[in-house]
Amino acid sequence: MNFLSHFYFDRFNSDANVVMGTVLPDLIKNASKDANLYPQKNEFLFKGNLAEENLLYGWKRHLAVDLFFHSSSFFFTKTAELKILIKPIVENTAIRPSFLAHIGLELLLDHLLVEQNLINVKNFYEKLSAVNNESLNDFLTHSNLKENEVFFSFLEKFISSKYLLSYQKLENISYALNRICMRLWPESLNQSQLDALTNQLAIFKPILKKDFMNIFEEIEGKLV
């Protein structure tokens, strides 16, 4: 799941460290794609420091949510449906339609949460801003992150740009998908392909909207 979908499960949590922890794995991957951290394997390193313990708790929530989501019938069914719609757009490119459908589904879930007023994006950013950077830096150091300054530079831009607010428009989701693909493949979608992708997302959106909350309810039940 993407940032806002992860936030959904802790949208009422008053602890900013827990909220940060729920999106921290993806923030780190965006800041440094080669970083591979496994703090959950060395929990003793964080004992005695409440802020770090709560960051780890949120981190483990993130892992659990992704595990439940990616193993669900909802995920397999919806990505297969979306793949059929977008496959013709990328058939003459190196971009894998299965990958595009996977990420496209996750961004559409974020989009629907915002559109249906099920989360408060402003509150999400406020929670991230409330985290003490010294505690976060200690957590990352204990997690064996090598380039903390790179991460904090990315985090500052991520928070200040409030980029996730742009997910309210489908064309911005297409743009975001294209940017993600550009990290993996040397070519990008042209404007005609982007327009076609937006059109297919618009076709798929009402299909997804009918039952998209099922997966959140399913995962929420498993987290409890």
Protein backbone atom coordinates (compact mmCIF):
# COMPACT_ATOMS: atom_id res chain seq x y z
CA MET A 1 0.00 0.00 0.00
CA ASN A 2 1.02 3.61 -0.47
CA PHE A 3 1.55 6.36 2.11
CA LEU A 4 -2.02 7.48 2.68
CA SER A 5 -3.42 3.95 2.77
CA HIS A 6 -0.92 3.07 5.49
CA PHE A 7 -1.89 6.24 7.35
CA TYR A 8 -5.55 5.18 7.25
CA PHE A 9 -4.97 2.44 9.84
CA ASP A 10 -3.44 4.89 12.33
CA ARG A 11 -5.29 8.06 11.34
CA PHE A 12 -6.62 8.45 14.89
CA ASN A 13 -3.34 7.64 16.60
CA SER A 14 -2.11 10.64 18.57
CA ASP A 15 1.50 9.44 18.63
CA ALA A 16 3.44 11.06 15.78
CA ASN A 17 6.21 8.45 16.08
CA VAL A 18 3.81 5.60 15.37
CA VAL A 19 2.46 7.44 12.32
CA MET A 20 5.98 8.11 11.07
CA GLY A 21 6.84 4.46 11.60
CA THR A 22 3.90 3.32 9.48
CA VAL A 23 5.31 5.09 6.41
CA LEU A 24 9.02 5.06 7.25
CA PRO A 25 9.92 1.95 5.17
CA ASP A 26 8.57 3.62 2.02
CA LEU A 27 10.13 6.98 2.87
CA ILE A 28 13.52 5.33 3.20
CA LYS A 29 13.12 3.45 -0.09
CA ASN A 30 12.21 6.69 -1.85
CA ALA A 31 15.19 8.48 -0.33
CA SER A 32 17.69 5.70 -1.00
CA LYS A 33 16.57 2.77 -3.14
CA ASP A 34 19.55 0.65 -2.08
CA ALA A 35 18.76 0.90 1.64
CA ASN A 36 17.55 -2.34 3.21
CA LEU A 37 16.74 -2.03 6.89
CA TYR A 38 15.40 -4.71 9.25
CA PRO A 39 14.96 -3.05 12.66
CA GLN A 40 12.30 -5.60 13.62
CA LYS A 41 15.06 -8.23 13.78
CA ASN A 42 16.93 -6.37 16.51
CA GLU A 43 14.19 -5.00 18.74
CA PHE A 44 16.49 -4.93 21.77
CA LEU A 45 18.32 -1.94 20.22
CA PHE A 46 15.26 0.24 20.71
CA LYS A 47 14.23 -0.84 24.21
CA GLY A 48 14.12 1.90 26.83
CA ASN A 49 13.52 4.76 24.43
CA LEU A 50 9.78 5.36 24.02
CA ALA A 51 10.10 7.36 20.80
CA GLU A 52 12.16 4.65 19.13
CA GLU A 53 9.90 1.91 20.46
CA ASN A 54 6.90 3.65 18.91
CA LEU A 55 8.72 4.18 15.62
CA LEU A 56 9.43 0.45 15.58
CA TYR A 57 5.80 -0.33 16.45
CA GLY A 58 4.67 1.74 13.45
CA TRP A 59 7.31 0.08 11.25
CA LYS A 60 5.97 -3.35 12.18
CA ARG A 61 2.42 -2.16 11.43
CA HIS A 62 3.62 -1.17 7.96
CA LEU A 63 5.09 -4.63 7.33
CA ALA A 64 1.91 -6.33 8.54
CA VAL A 65 -0.35 -4.17 6.36
CA ASP A 66 1.72 -4.83 3.24
CA LEU A 67 1.80 -8.56 3.94
CA PHE A 68 -1.99 -8.73 4.35
CA PHE A 69 -2.58 -6.53 1.30
CA HIS A 70 -0.26 -8.29 -1.13
CA SER A 71 -1.55 -11.73 -0.17
CA SER A 72 -5.24 -10.79 -0.44
CA SER A 73 -7.63 -11.93 -3.15
CA PHE A 74 -8.61 -8.26 -3.49
CA PHE A 75 -5.07 -7.38 -4.57
CA PHE A 76 -4.80 -10.20 -7.11
CA THR A 77 -8.26 -9.57 -8.56
CA LYS A 78 -7.97 -5.80 -8.86
CA THR A 79 -4.45 -5.75 -10.30
CA ALA A 80 -5.51 -8.33 -12.91
CA GLU A 81 -8.49 -6.17 -13.89
CA LEU A 82 -6.42 -2.99 -14.11
CA LYS A 83 -3.64 -4.77 -16.02
CA ILE A 84 -6.08 -5.64 -18.81
CA LEU A 85 -7.00 -1.96 -19.19
CA ILE A 86 -3.47 -0.55 -19.24
CA LYS A 87 -1.59 -3.32 -21.07
CA PRO A 88 -2.19 -1.87 -24.57
CA ILE A 89 -0.71 1.46 -23.47
CA VAL A 90 2.70 -0.01 -22.63
CA GLU A 91 2.86 -2.97 -25.02
CA ASN A 92 5.65 -1.36 -27.10
CA THR A 93 7.67 -0.28 -24.07
CA ALA A 94 9.88 -2.04 -21.53
CA ILE A 95 7.40 -1.15 -18.75
CA ARG A 96 5.76 -4.19 -17.22
CA PRO A 97 1.95 -3.81 -17.16
CA SER A 98 1.77 -5.97 -14.04
CA PHE A 99 4.02 -3.52 -12.19
CA LEU A 100 2.07 -0.52 -13.45
CA ALA A 101 -1.21 -2.14 -12.38
CA HIS A 102 0.21 -2.92 -8.94
CA ILE A 103 1.36 0.64 -8.23
CA GLY A 104 -1.65 2.13 -10.03
CA LEU A 105 -4.01 0.24 -7.72
CA GLU A 106 -2.17 1.51 -4.64
CA LEU A 107 -2.27 5.14 -5.80
CA LEU A 108 -5.95 4.86 -6.69
CA LEU A 109 -6.69 3.61 -3.18
CA ASP A 110 -4.97 6.73 -1.81
CA HIS A 111 -6.99 8.84 -4.25
CA LEU A 112 -10.29 7.34 -3.11
CA LEU A 113 -9.46 7.77 0.58
CA VAL A 114 -8.85 11.48 -0.04
CA GLU A 115 -11.87 11.91 -2.30
CA GLN A 116 -14.21 10.22 0.18
CA ASN A 117 -12.81 12.31 3.07
CA LEU A 118 -11.78 9.17 4.93
CA ILE A 119 -8.42 10.63 5.86
CA ASN A 120 -7.07 14.12 6.53
CA VAL A 121 -3.93 14.67 4.44
CA LYS A 122 -3.09 17.87 6.31
CA ASN A 123 -3.13 15.94 9.58
CA PHE A 124 -0.84 13.31 8.04
CA TYR A 125 1.79 15.93 7.28
CA GLU A 126 1.33 17.55 10.69
CA LYS A 127 2.08 14.21 12.36
CA LEU A 128 5.25 13.74 10.32
CA SER A 129 6.38 17.27 11.15
CA ALA A 130 5.83 16.65 14.88
CA VAL A 131 8.40 13.85 15.04
CA ASN A 132 11.62 14.75 16.85
CA ASN A 133 14.43 14.47 14.30
CA GLU A 134 16.98 13.53 16.94
CA SER A 135 14.95 10.50 18.00
CA LEU A 136 14.31 9.59 14.37
CA ASN A 137 18.01 9.91 13.60
CA ASP A 138 18.84 7.60 16.52
CA PHE A 139 16.29 5.07 15.26
CA LEU A 140 17.80 5.15 11.76
CA THR A 141 21.32 4.81 13.14
CA HIS A 142 20.30 1.81 15.25
CA SER A 143 18.65 0.40 12.11
CA ASN A 144 21.99 0.71 10.32
CA LEU A 145 21.06 3.35 7.76
CA LYS A 146 24.28 4.60 6.19
CA GLU A 147 23.26 7.99 4.81
CA ASN A 148 21.03 9.67 7.36
CA GLU A 149 21.59 13.13 5.90
CA VAL A 150 20.27 11.96 2.51
CA PHE A 151 17.12 10.67 4.19
CA PHE A 152 16.48 13.86 6.15
CA SER A 153 16.98 15.97 3.04
CA PHE A 154 14.36 13.86 1.26
CA LEU A 155 12.01 13.95 4.26
CA GLU A 156 12.15 17.73 4.45
CA LYS A 157 11.20 18.03 0.78
CA PHE A 158 8.51 15.36 1.12
CA ILE A 159 6.82 17.23 3.96
CA SER A 160 7.22 20.74 2.55
CA SER A 161 5.94 19.85 -0.93
CA LYS A 162 2.79 18.14 0.40
CA TYR A 163 2.88 16.23 -2.86
CA LEU A 164 0.25 13.69 -1.81
CA LEU A 165 -2.41 16.39 -2.01
CA SER A 166 -1.99 16.19 -5.78
CA TYR A 167 -3.44 12.67 -5.76
CA GLN A 168 -6.88 14.27 -5.79
CA LYS A 169 -6.57 14.46 -9.60
CA LEU A 170 -6.23 11.35 -11.76
CA GLU A 171 -3.85 13.01 -14.19
CA ASN A 172 -1.43 13.55 -11.31
CA ILE A 173 -1.59 9.85 -10.52
CA SER A 174 -0.59 9.09 -14.11
CA TYR A 175 2.28 11.56 -13.76
CA ALA A 176 3.39 9.92 -10.50
CA LEU A 177 3.24 6.46 -12.09
CA ASN A 178 5.39 7.68 -14.96
CA ARG A 179 7.97 9.10 -12.55
CA ILE A 180 8.13 5.76 -10.72
CA CYS A 181 8.61 3.89 -14.00
CA MET A 182 11.44 6.26 -14.96
CA ARG A 183 13.42 5.03 -11.95
CA LEU A 184 13.29 1.47 -13.29
CA TRP A 185 13.29 1.78 -17.07
CA PRO A 186 15.19 4.13 -19.39
CA GLU A 187 12.12 5.32 -21.24
CA SER A 188 9.05 7.17 -20.09
CA LEU A 189 5.49 7.44 -21.31
CA ASN A 190 4.79 10.21 -23.81
CA GLN A 191 1.92 12.63 -23.41
CA SER A 192 -0.40 10.54 -25.56
CA GLN A 193 0.30 7.47 -23.45
CA LEU A 194 -0.15 9.47 -20.25
CA ASP A 195 -3.53 10.71 -21.46
CA ALA A 196 -4.53 7.15 -22.34
CA LEU A 197 -3.41 5.97 -18.90
CA THR A 198 -5.49 8.66 -17.21
CA ASN A 199 -8.51 7.61 -19.28
CA GLN A 200 -8.10 3.98 -18.24
CA LEU A 201 -7.71 4.95 -14.60
CA ALA A 202 -10.96 6.93 -14.95
CA ILE A 203 -12.67 3.81 -16.32
CA PHE A 204 -11.33 1.62 -13.52
CA LYS A 205 -12.00 4.08 -10.69
CA PRO A 206 -15.81 3.54 -10.42
CA ILE A 207 -15.24 -0.22 -10.52
CA LEU A 208 -12.78 0.03 -7.64
CA LYS A 209 -14.90 2.54 -5.76
CA LYS A 210 -17.74 0.01 -5.33
CA ASP A 211 -15.85 -2.17 -2.89
CA PHE A 212 -12.47 -0.58 -2.17
CA MET A 213 -13.24 -0.26 1.54
CA ASN A 214 -13.47 -4.04 1.81
CA ILE A 215 -9.70 -4.40 1.81
CA PHE A 216 -9.26 -1.75 4.51
CA GLU A 217 -11.88 -3.43 6.68
CA GLU A 218 -10.29 -6.83 6.08
CA ILE A 219 -6.82 -5.64 7.02
CA GLU A 220 -8.09 -3.64 10.00
CA GLY A 221 -9.69 -6.80 11.37
CA LYS A 222 -6.45 -8.72 11.00
CA LEU A 223 -4.38 -5.99 12.64
CA VAL A 224 -6.61 -6.11 15.73
